[in-house]
Amino acid sequence: MKRQFFTTGQRIPTTGVYLAKHCGHKFAEKFVFLKGGQFPRCSRCERIAFELLQAAPYIFSDPDFSALACEETPSERDDEHLRKIV
């Protein structure tokens, strides 16, 4: 897969796992981003790059799982655009 990099404010082109690379104050971290949102700003550094590591479909876009999305509480959906992978 060709390496793809993005910056703060750009639209997220593909749902998947991204590596967020800060400019020196923090180690890189992996996050899941959903297509259509915007890459966020870091409160401590101006330059941050996001690299797509693995494209992956969002589970609730699959017809077999879409009914389950209605069962989530609003607080579980609040952080949809940025979920840290542990």
PDB file of N, CA and C in Angstrom:
ATOM      1  N   MET A   1       0.843  -1.180   0.000  1.00  0.00           N
ATOM      2  CA  MET A   1       0.000   0.000   0.000  1.00  0.00           C
ATOM      3  C   MET A   1       0.887   1.242   0.000  1.00  0.00           C
ATOM      4  N   LYS A   2       0.550   2.201  -0.843  1.00  0.00           N
ATOM      5  CA  LYS A   2       1.274   3.461  -0.914  1.00  0.00           C
ATOM      6  C   LYS A   2       1.013   4.268   0.371  1.00  0.00           C
ATOM      7  N   ARG A   3       2.069   4.864   0.936  1.00  0.00           N
ATOM      8  CA  ARG A   3       1.919   5.654   2.157  1.00  0.00           C
ATOM      9  C   ARG A   3       1.129   6.923   1.855  1.00  0.00           C
ATOM     10  N   GLN A   4       0.164   7.217   2.708  1.00  0.00           N
ATOM     11  CA  GLN A   4      -0.675   8.398   2.540  1.00  0.00           C
ATOM     12  C   GLN A   4      -0.607   9.245   3.807  1.00  0.00           C
ATOM     13  N   PHE A   5      -0.301  10.537   3.638  1.00  0.00           N
ATOM     14  CA  PHE A   5      -0.200  11.456   4.762  1.00  0.00           C
ATOM     15  C   PHE A   5      -1.220  12.576   4.620  1.00  0.00           C
ATOM     16  N   PHE A   6      -1.739  13.038   5.766  1.00  0.00           N
ATOM     17  CA  PHE A   6      -2.737  14.098   5.799  1.00  0.00           C
ATOM     18  C   PHE A   6      -2.407  15.050   6.938  1.00  0.00           C
ATOM     19  N   THR A   7      -3.036  16.218   6.948  1.00  0.00           N
ATOM     20  CA  THR A   7      -2.770  17.212   7.985  1.00  0.00           C
ATOM     21  C   THR A   7      -4.068  17.709   8.607  1.00  0.00           C
ATOM     22  N   THR A   8      -3.919  18.437   9.693  1.00  0.00           N
ATOM     23  CA  THR A   8      -5.040  19.027  10.413  1.00  0.00           C
ATOM     24  C   THR A   8      -5.966  19.778   9.462  1.00  0.00           C
ATOM     25  N   GLY A   9      -7.266  19.558   9.645  1.00  0.00           N
ATOM     26  CA  GLY A   9      -8.269  20.271   8.861  1.00  0.00           C
ATOM     27  C   GLY A   9      -8.674  19.591   7.570  1.00  0.00           C
ATOM     28  N   GLN A  10      -7.856  18.689   7.058  1.00  0.00           N
ATOM     29  CA  GLN A  10      -8.234  17.984   5.836  1.00  0.00           C
ATOM     30  C   GLN A  10      -9.365  17.003   6.138  1.00  0.00           C
ATOM     31  N   ARG A  11     -10.176  16.721   5.116  1.00  0.00           N
ATOM     32  CA  ARG A  11     -11.237  15.726   5.249  1.00  0.00           C
ATOM     33  C   ARG A  11     -10.618  14.329   5.323  1.00  0.00           C
ATOM     34  N   ILE A  12     -11.208  13.478   6.132  1.00  0.00           N
ATOM     35  CA  ILE A  12     -10.741  12.103   6.261  1.00  0.00           C
ATOM     36  C   ILE A  12     -11.288  11.329   5.065  1.00  0.00           C
ATOM     37  N   PRO A  13     -10.402  10.838   4.181  1.00  0.00           N
ATOM     38  CA  PRO A  13     -10.858  10.217   2.940  1.00  0.00           C
ATOM     39  C   PRO A  13     -11.319   8.771   3.088  1.00  0.00           C
ATOM     40  N   THR A  14     -10.806   8.082   4.102  1.00  0.00           N
ATOM     41  CA  THR A  14     -11.058   6.655   4.254  1.00  0.00           C
ATOM     42  C   THR A  14     -11.161   6.316   5.735  1.00  0.00           C
ATOM     43  N   THR A  15     -12.138   5.518   6.091  1.00  0.00           N
ATOM     44  CA  THR A  15     -12.215   5.026   7.462  1.00  0.00           C
ATOM     45  C   THR A  15     -11.085   4.035   7.681  1.00  0.00           C
ATOM     46  N   GLY A  16     -10.389   4.184   8.803  1.00  0.00           N
ATOM     47  CA  GLY A  16      -9.313   3.257   9.083  1.00  0.00           C
ATOM     48  C   GLY A  16      -8.445   3.689  10.249  1.00  0.00           C
ATOM     49  N   VAL A  17      -7.326   3.013  10.388  1.00  0.00           N
ATOM     50  CA  VAL A  17      -6.362   3.272  11.453  1.00  0.00           C
ATOM     51  C   VAL A  17      -5.295   4.225  10.920  1.00  0.00           C
ATOM     52  N   TYR A  18      -5.084   5.324  11.649  1.00  0.00           N
ATOM     53  CA  TYR A  18      -4.104   6.336  11.271  1.00  0.00           C
ATOM     54  C   TYR A  18      -3.085   6.508  12.385  1.00  0.00           C
ATOM     55  N   LEU A  19      -1.857   6.826  12.004  1.00  0.00           N
ATOM     56  CA  LEU A  19      -0.807   7.157  12.950  1.00  0.00           C
ATOM     57  C   LEU A  19      -0.716   8.674  13.021  1.00  0.00           C
ATOM     58  N   ALA A  20      -0.877   9.228  14.214  1.00  0.00           N
ATOM     59  CA  ALA A  20      -0.775  10.673  14.420  1.00  0.00           C
ATOM     60  C   ALA A  20       0.647  10.975  14.875  1.00  0.00           C
ATOM     61  N   LYS A  21       1.379  11.756  14.069  1.00  0.00           N
ATOM     62  CA  LYS A  21       2.777  12.081  14.354  1.00  0.00           C
ATOM     63  C   LYS A  21       2.878  13.540  14.768  1.00  0.00           C
ATOM     64  N   HIS A  22       3.186  13.764  16.048  1.00  0.00           N
ATOM     65  CA  HIS A  22       3.322  15.114  16.593  1.00  0.00           C
ATOM     66  C   HIS A  22       4.730  15.626  16.332  1.00  0.00           C
ATOM     67  N   CYS A  23       4.937  16.927  16.537  1.00  0.00           N
ATOM     68  CA  CYS A  23       6.267  17.497  16.275  1.00  0.00           C
ATOM     69  C   CYS A  23       7.078  17.600  17.562  1.00  0.00           C
ATOM     70  N   GLY A  24       7.455  16.461  18.097  1.00  0.00           N
ATOM     71  CA  GLY A  24       8.426  16.434  19.172  1.00  0.00           C
ATOM     72  C   GLY A  24       7.932  16.309  20.594  1.00  0.00           C
ATOM     73  N   HIS A  25       6.741  16.727  20.928  1.00  0.00           N
ATOM     74  CA  HIS A  25       6.340  16.711  22.337  1.00  0.00           C
ATOM     75  C   HIS A  25       5.692  15.397  22.763  1.00  0.00           C
ATOM     76  N   LYS A  26       5.419  14.508  21.825  1.00  0.00           N
ATOM     77  CA  LYS A  26       4.680  13.297  22.143  1.00  0.00           C
ATOM     78  C   LYS A  26       5.034  12.207  21.139  1.00  0.00           C
ATOM     79  N   PHE A  27       5.005  10.955  21.593  1.00  0.00           N
ATOM     80  CA  PHE A  27       5.221   9.845  20.676  1.00  0.00           C
ATOM     81  C   PHE A  27       4.022   9.710  19.740  1.00  0.00           C
ATOM     82  N   ALA A  28       4.249   9.098  18.590  1.00  0.00           N
ATOM     83  CA  ALA A  28       3.159   8.852  17.637  1.00  0.00           C
ATOM     84  C   ALA A  28       2.145   7.911  18.280  1.00  0.00           C
ATOM     85  N   GLU A  29       0.872   8.112  17.933  1.00  0.00           N
ATOM     86  CA  GLU A  29      -0.212   7.294  18.476  1.00  0.00           C
ATOM     87  C   GLU A  29      -1.103   6.816  17.341  1.00  0.00           C
ATOM     88  N   LYS A  30      -1.749   5.668  17.542  1.00  0.00           N
ATOM     89  CA  LYS A  30      -2.687   5.133  16.560  1.00  0.00           C
ATOM     90  C   LYS A  30      -4.110   5.483  16.979  1.00  0.00           C
ATOM     91  N   PHE A  31      -4.914   5.902  15.973  1.00  0.00           N
ATOM     92  CA  PHE A  31      -6.319   6.230  16.196  1.00  0.00           C
ATOM     93  C   PHE A  31      -7.152   5.706  15.042  1.00  0.00           C
ATOM     94  N   VAL A  32      -8.428   5.497  15.300  1.00  0.00           N
ATOM     95  CA  VAL A  32      -9.377   5.157  14.252  1.00  0.00           C
ATOM     96  C   VAL A  32     -10.137   6.434  13.894  1.00  0.00           C
ATOM     97  N   PHE A  33     -10.188   6.745  12.595  1.00  0.00           N
ATOM     98  CA  PHE A  33     -10.921   7.903  12.098  1.00  0.00           C
ATOM     99  C   PHE A  33     -11.984   7.425  11.114  1.00  0.00           C
ATOM    100  N   LEU A  34     -13.121   8.111  11.126  1.00  0.00           N
ATOM    101  CA  LEU A  34     -14.206   7.774  10.208  1.00  0.00           C
ATOM    102  C   LEU A  34     -14.207   8.708   9.010  1.00  0.00           C
ATOM    103  N   LYS A  35     -14.425   8.141   7.841  1.00  0.00           N
ATOM    104  CA  LYS A  35     -14.483   8.895   6.595  1.00  0.00           C
ATOM    105  C   LYS A  35     -15.484  10.052   6.703  1.00  0.00           C
ATOM    106  N   GLY A  36     -15.083  11.203   6.167  1.00  0.00           N
ATOM    107  CA  GLY A  36     -15.972  12.359   6.116  1.00  0.00           C
ATOM    108  C   GLY A  36     -15.728  13.395   7.188  1.00  0.00           C
ATOM    109  N   GLY A  37     -15.096  13.002   8.294  1.00  0.00           N
ATOM    110  CA  GLY A  37     -14.767  13.966   9.343  1.00  0.00           C
ATOM    111  C   GLY A  37     -13.546  14.790   8.952  1.00  0.00           C
ATOM    112  N   GLN A  38     -13.029  15.551   9.881  1.00  0.00           N
ATOM    113  CA  GLN A  38     -11.806  16.327   9.648  1.00  0.00           C
ATOM    114  C   GLN A  38     -10.732  15.862  10.614  1.00  0.00           C
ATOM    115  N   PHE A  39      -9.487  15.859  10.129  1.00  0.00           N
ATOM    116  CA  PHE A  39      -8.380  15.537  11.018  1.00  0.00           C
ATOM    117  C   PHE A  39      -8.255  16.654  12.048  1.00  0.00           C
ATOM    118  N   PRO A  40      -8.150  16.305  13.330  1.00  0.00           N
ATOM    119  CA  PRO A  40      -8.169  17.308  14.390  1.00  0.00           C
ATOM    120  C   PRO A  40      -6.841  18.038  14.570  1.00  0.00           C
ATOM    121  N   ARG A  41      -6.933  19.111  15.316  1.00  0.00           N
ATOM    122  CA  ARG A  41      -5.784  19.930  15.684  1.00  0.00           C
ATOM    123  C   ARG A  41      -5.244  19.423  17.020  1.00  0.00           C
ATOM    124  N   CYS A  42      -3.953  19.515  17.210  1.00  0.00           N
ATOM    125  CA  CYS A  42      -3.322  19.192  18.489  1.00  0.00           C
ATOM    126  C   CYS A  42      -3.266  20.483  19.311  1.00  0.00           C
ATOM    127  N   SER A  43      -3.582  20.402  20.587  1.00  0.00           N
ATOM    128  CA  SER A  43      -3.575  21.599  21.435  1.00  0.00           C
ATOM    129  C   SER A  43      -2.166  22.054  21.809  1.00  0.00           C
ATOM    130  N   ARG A  44      -1.152  21.209  21.544  1.00  0.00           N
ATOM    131  CA  ARG A  44       0.216  21.566  21.935  1.00  0.00           C
ATOM    132  C   ARG A  44       1.164  21.840  20.777  1.00  0.00           C
ATOM    133  N   CYS A  45       0.881  21.318  19.597  1.00  0.00           N
ATOM    134  CA  CYS A  45       1.800  21.564  18.477  1.00  0.00           C
ATOM    135  C   CYS A  45       1.015  21.953  17.231  1.00  0.00           C
ATOM    136  N   GLU A  46       1.650  22.705  16.366  1.00  0.00           N
ATOM    137  CA  GLU A  46       0.980  23.153  15.144  1.00  0.00           C
ATOM    138  C   GLU A  46       1.128  22.160  14.011  1.00  0.00           C
ATOM    139  N   ARG A  47       2.248  21.461  14.003  1.00  0.00           N
ATOM    140  CA  ARG A  47       2.494  20.530  12.908  1.00  0.00           C
ATOM    141  C   ARG A  47       2.205  19.111  13.360  1.00  0.00           C
ATOM    142  N   ILE A  48       1.222  18.510  12.758  1.00  0.00           N
ATOM    143  CA  ILE A  48       0.898  17.117  13.035  1.00  0.00           C
ATOM    144  C   ILE A  48       0.549  16.453  11.702  1.00  0.00           C
ATOM    145  N   ALA A  49       1.058  15.254  11.517  1.00  0.00           N
ATOM    146  CA  ALA A  49       0.798  14.503  10.290  1.00  0.00           C
ATOM    147  C   ALA A  49       0.050  13.230  10.654  1.00  0.00           C
ATOM    148  N   PHE A  50      -0.882  12.859   9.802  1.00  0.00           N
ATOM    149  CA  PHE A  50      -1.651  11.634   9.986  1.00  0.00           C
ATOM    150  C   PHE A  50      -1.333  10.712   8.820  1.00  0.00           C
ATOM    151  N   GLU A  51      -0.928   9.492   9.141  1.00  0.00           N
ATOM    152  CA  GLU A  51      -0.597   8.516   8.105  1.00  0.00           C
ATOM    153  C   GLU A  51      -1.600   7.372   8.157  1.00  0.00           C
ATOM    154  N   LEU A  52      -2.203   7.070   7.017  1.00  0.00           N
ATOM    155  CA  LEU A  52      -3.117   5.936   6.944  1.00  0.00           C
ATOM    156  C   LEU A  52      -2.308   4.651   7.024  1.00  0.00           C
ATOM    157  N   LEU A  53      -2.567   3.857   8.062  1.00  0.00           N
ATOM    158  CA  LEU A  53      -1.870   2.580   8.226  1.00  0.00           C
ATOM    159  C   LEU A  53      -2.678   1.424   7.657  1.00  0.00           C
ATOM    160  N   GLN A  54      -3.992   1.466   7.890  1.00  0.00           N
ATOM    161  CA  GLN A  54      -4.850   0.367   7.446  1.00  0.00           C
ATOM    162  C   GLN A  54      -6.271   0.868   7.234  1.00  0.00           C
ATOM    163  N   ALA A  55      -6.747   0.776   6.007  1.00  0.00           N
ATOM    164  CA  ALA A  55      -8.144   1.105   5.735  1.00  0.00           C
ATOM    165  C   ALA A  55      -9.006  -0.026   6.298  1.00  0.00           C
ATOM    166  N   ALA A  56     -10.146   0.330   6.848  1.00  0.00           N
ATOM    167  CA  ALA A  56     -11.049  -0.673   7.410  1.00  0.00           C
ATOM    168  C   ALA A  56     -12.460  -0.112   7.416  1.00  0.00           C
ATOM    169  N   PRO A  57     -13.462  -0.921   7.093  1.00  0.00           N
ATOM    170  CA  PRO A  57     -14.832  -0.415   7.108  1.00  0.00           C
ATOM    171  C   PRO A  57     -15.316  -0.205   8.540  1.00  0.00           C
ATOM    172  N   TYR A  58     -16.188   0.774   8.725  1.00  0.00           N
ATOM    173  CA  TYR A  58     -16.820   1.020  10.018  1.00  0.00           C
ATOM    174  C   TYR A  58     -17.894  -0.042  10.208  1.00  0.00           C
ATOM    175  N   ILE A  59     -17.906  -0.699  11.336  1.00  0.00           N
ATOM    176  CA  ILE A  59     -18.782  -1.861  11.537  1.00  0.00           C
ATOM    177  C   ILE A  59     -20.256  -1.538  11.332  1.00  0.00           C
ATOM    178  N   PHE A  60     -20.703  -0.334  11.744  1.00  0.00           N
ATOM    179  CA  PHE A  60     -22.124  -0.036  11.633  1.00  0.00           C
ATOM    180  C   PHE A  60     -22.534   0.381  10.221  1.00  0.00           C
ATOM    181  N   SER A  61     -21.589   0.416   9.279  1.00  0.00           N
ATOM    182  CA  SER A  61     -21.961   0.632   7.881  1.00  0.00           C
ATOM    183  C   SER A  61     -22.291  -0.700   7.205  1.00  0.00           C
ATOM    184  N   ASP A  62     -22.005  -1.802   7.878  1.00  0.00           N
ATOM    185  CA  ASP A  62     -22.330  -3.138   7.380  1.00  0.00           C
ATOM    186  C   ASP A  62     -23.792  -3.443   7.718  1.00  0.00           C
ATOM    187  N   PRO A  63     -24.593  -3.894   6.737  1.00  0.00           N
ATOM    188  CA  PRO A  63     -26.013  -4.155   6.981  1.00  0.00           C
ATOM    189  C   PRO A  63     -26.285  -5.135   8.126  1.00  0.00           C
ATOM    190  N   ASP A  64     -25.380  -6.089   8.336  1.00  0.00           N
ATOM    191  CA  ASP A  64     -25.589  -7.066   9.408  1.00  0.00           C
ATOM    192  C   ASP A  64     -25.464  -6.455  10.797  1.00  0.00           C
ATOM    193  N   PHE A  65     -24.762  -5.326  10.909  1.00  0.00           N
ATOM    194  CA  PHE A  65     -24.536  -4.694  12.203  1.00  0.00           C
ATOM    195  C   PHE A  65     -25.243  -3.353  12.361  1.00  0.00           C
ATOM    196  N   SER A  66     -25.812  -2.810  11.300  1.00  0.00           N
ATOM    197  CA  SER A  66     -26.357  -1.448  11.334  1.00  0.00           C
ATOM    198  C   SER A  66     -27.492  -1.285  12.350  1.00  0.00           C
ATOM    199  N   ALA A  67     -28.280  -2.317  12.619  1.00  0.00           N
ATOM    200  CA  ALA A  67     -29.364  -2.226  13.598  1.00  0.00           C
ATOM    201  C   ALA A  67     -28.815  -2.016  15.009  1.00  0.00           C
ATOM    202  N   LEU A  68     -27.599  -2.480  15.264  1.00  0.00           N
ATOM    203  CA  LEU A  68     -26.992  -2.335  16.588  1.00  0.00           C
ATOM    204  C   LEU A  68     -26.645  -0.889  16.906  1.00  0.00           C
ATOM    205  N   ALA A  69     -26.443  -0.066  15.902  1.00  0.00           N
ATOM    206  CA  ALA A  69     -26.076   1.335  16.128  1.00  0.00           C
ATOM    207  C   ALA A  69     -27.164   2.065  16.895  1.00  0.00           C
ATOM    208  N   CYS A  70     -28.408   1.684  16.705  1.00  0.00           N
ATOM    209  CA  CYS A  70     -29.536   2.313  17.400  1.00  0.00           C
ATOM    210  C   CYS A  70     -29.538   1.981  18.877  1.00  0.00           C
ATOM    211  N   GLU A  71     -28.881   0.902  19.267  1.00  0.00           N
ATOM    212  CA  GLU A  71     -28.867   0.481  20.664  1.00  0.00           C
ATOM    213  C   GLU A  71     -27.803   1.195  21.485  1.00  0.00           C
ATOM    214  N   GLU A  72     -26.857   1.886  20.832  1.00  0.00           N
ATOM    215  CA  GLU A  72     -25.825   2.612  21.559  1.00  0.00           C
ATOM    216  C   GLU A  72     -26.422   3.835  22.237  1.00  0.00           C
ATOM    217  N   THR A  73     -25.827   4.224  23.326  1.00  0.00           N
ATOM    218  CA  THR A  73     -26.234   5.469  23.971  1.00  0.00           C
ATOM    219  C   THR A  73     -25.497   6.620  23.310  1.00  0.00           C
ATOM    220  N   PRO A  74     -26.018   7.856  23.373  1.00  0.00           N
ATOM    221  CA  PRO A  74     -25.338   8.999  22.759  1.00  0.00           C
ATOM    222  C   PRO A  74     -23.896   9.170  23.235  1.00  0.00           C
ATOM    223  N   SER A  75     -23.614   8.891  24.497  1.00  0.00           N
ATOM    224  CA  SER A  75     -22.254   9.057  24.999  1.00  0.00           C
ATOM    225  C   SER A  75     -21.283   8.097  24.336  1.00  0.00           C
ATOM    226  N   GLU A  76     -21.740   6.925  23.920  1.00  0.00           N
ATOM    227  CA  GLU A  76     -20.882   5.978  23.230  1.00  0.00           C
ATOM    228  C   GLU A  76     -20.584   6.433  21.810  1.00  0.00           C
ATOM    229  N   ARG A  77     -21.463   7.243  21.220  1.00  0.00           N
ATOM    230  CA  ARG A  77     -21.261   7.718  19.850  1.00  0.00           C
ATOM    231  C   ARG A  77     -20.530   9.048  19.799  1.00  0.00           C
ATOM    232  N   ASP A  78     -20.425   9.772  20.898  1.00  0.00           N
ATOM    233  CA  ASP A  78     -19.811  11.098  20.907  1.00  0.00           C
ATOM    234  C   ASP A  78     -18.399  11.091  20.358  1.00  0.00           C
ATOM    235  N   ASP A  79     -17.670  10.025  20.571  1.00  0.00           N
ATOM    236  CA  ASP A  79     -16.263   9.977  20.204  1.00  0.00           C
ATOM    237  C   ASP A  79     -16.031   9.172  18.933  1.00  0.00           C
ATOM    238  N   GLU A  80     -17.067   9.073  18.058  1.00  0.00           N
ATOM    239  CA  GLU A  80     -16.964   8.256  16.849  1.00  0.00           C
ATOM    240  C   GLU A  80     -15.809   8.655  15.942  1.00  0.00           C
ATOM    241  N   HIS A  81     -15.543   9.940  15.783  1.00  0.00           N
ATOM    242  CA  HIS A  81     -14.544  10.379  14.812  1.00  0.00           C
ATOM    243  C   HIS A  81     -13.114  10.181  15.284  1.00  0.00           C
ATOM    244  N   LEU A  82     -12.950   9.881  16.555  1.00  0.00           N
ATOM    245  CA  LEU A  82     -11.585   9.714  17.046  1.00  0.00           C
ATOM    246  C   LEU A  82     -11.588   8.736  18.193  1.00  0.00           C
ATOM    247  N   ARG A  83     -11.217   7.492  17.892  1.00  0.00           N
ATOM    248  CA  ARG A  83     -11.162   6.472  18.936  1.00  0.00           C
ATOM    249  C   ARG A  83      -9.753   5.938  19.009  1.00  0.00           C
ATOM    250  N   LYS A  84      -9.164   6.035  20.167  1.00  0.00           N
ATOM    251  CA  LYS A  84      -7.804   5.565  20.350  1.00  0.00           C
ATOM    252  C   LYS A  84      -7.796   4.043  20.407  1.00  0.00           C
ATOM    253  N   ILE A  85      -6.846   3.458  19.747  1.00  0.00           N
ATOM    254  CA  ILE A  85      -6.669   2.003  19.790  1.00  0.00           C
ATOM    255  C   ILE A  85      -5.758   1.690  20.954  1.00  0.00           C
ATOM    256  N   VAL A  86      -6.188   0.810  21.787  1.00  0.00           N
ATOM    257  CA  VAL A  86      -5.390   0.437  22.973  1.00  0.00           C
ATOM    258  C   VAL A  86      -4.511  -0.737  22.643  1.00  0.00           C
TER     259      VAL A  86
END
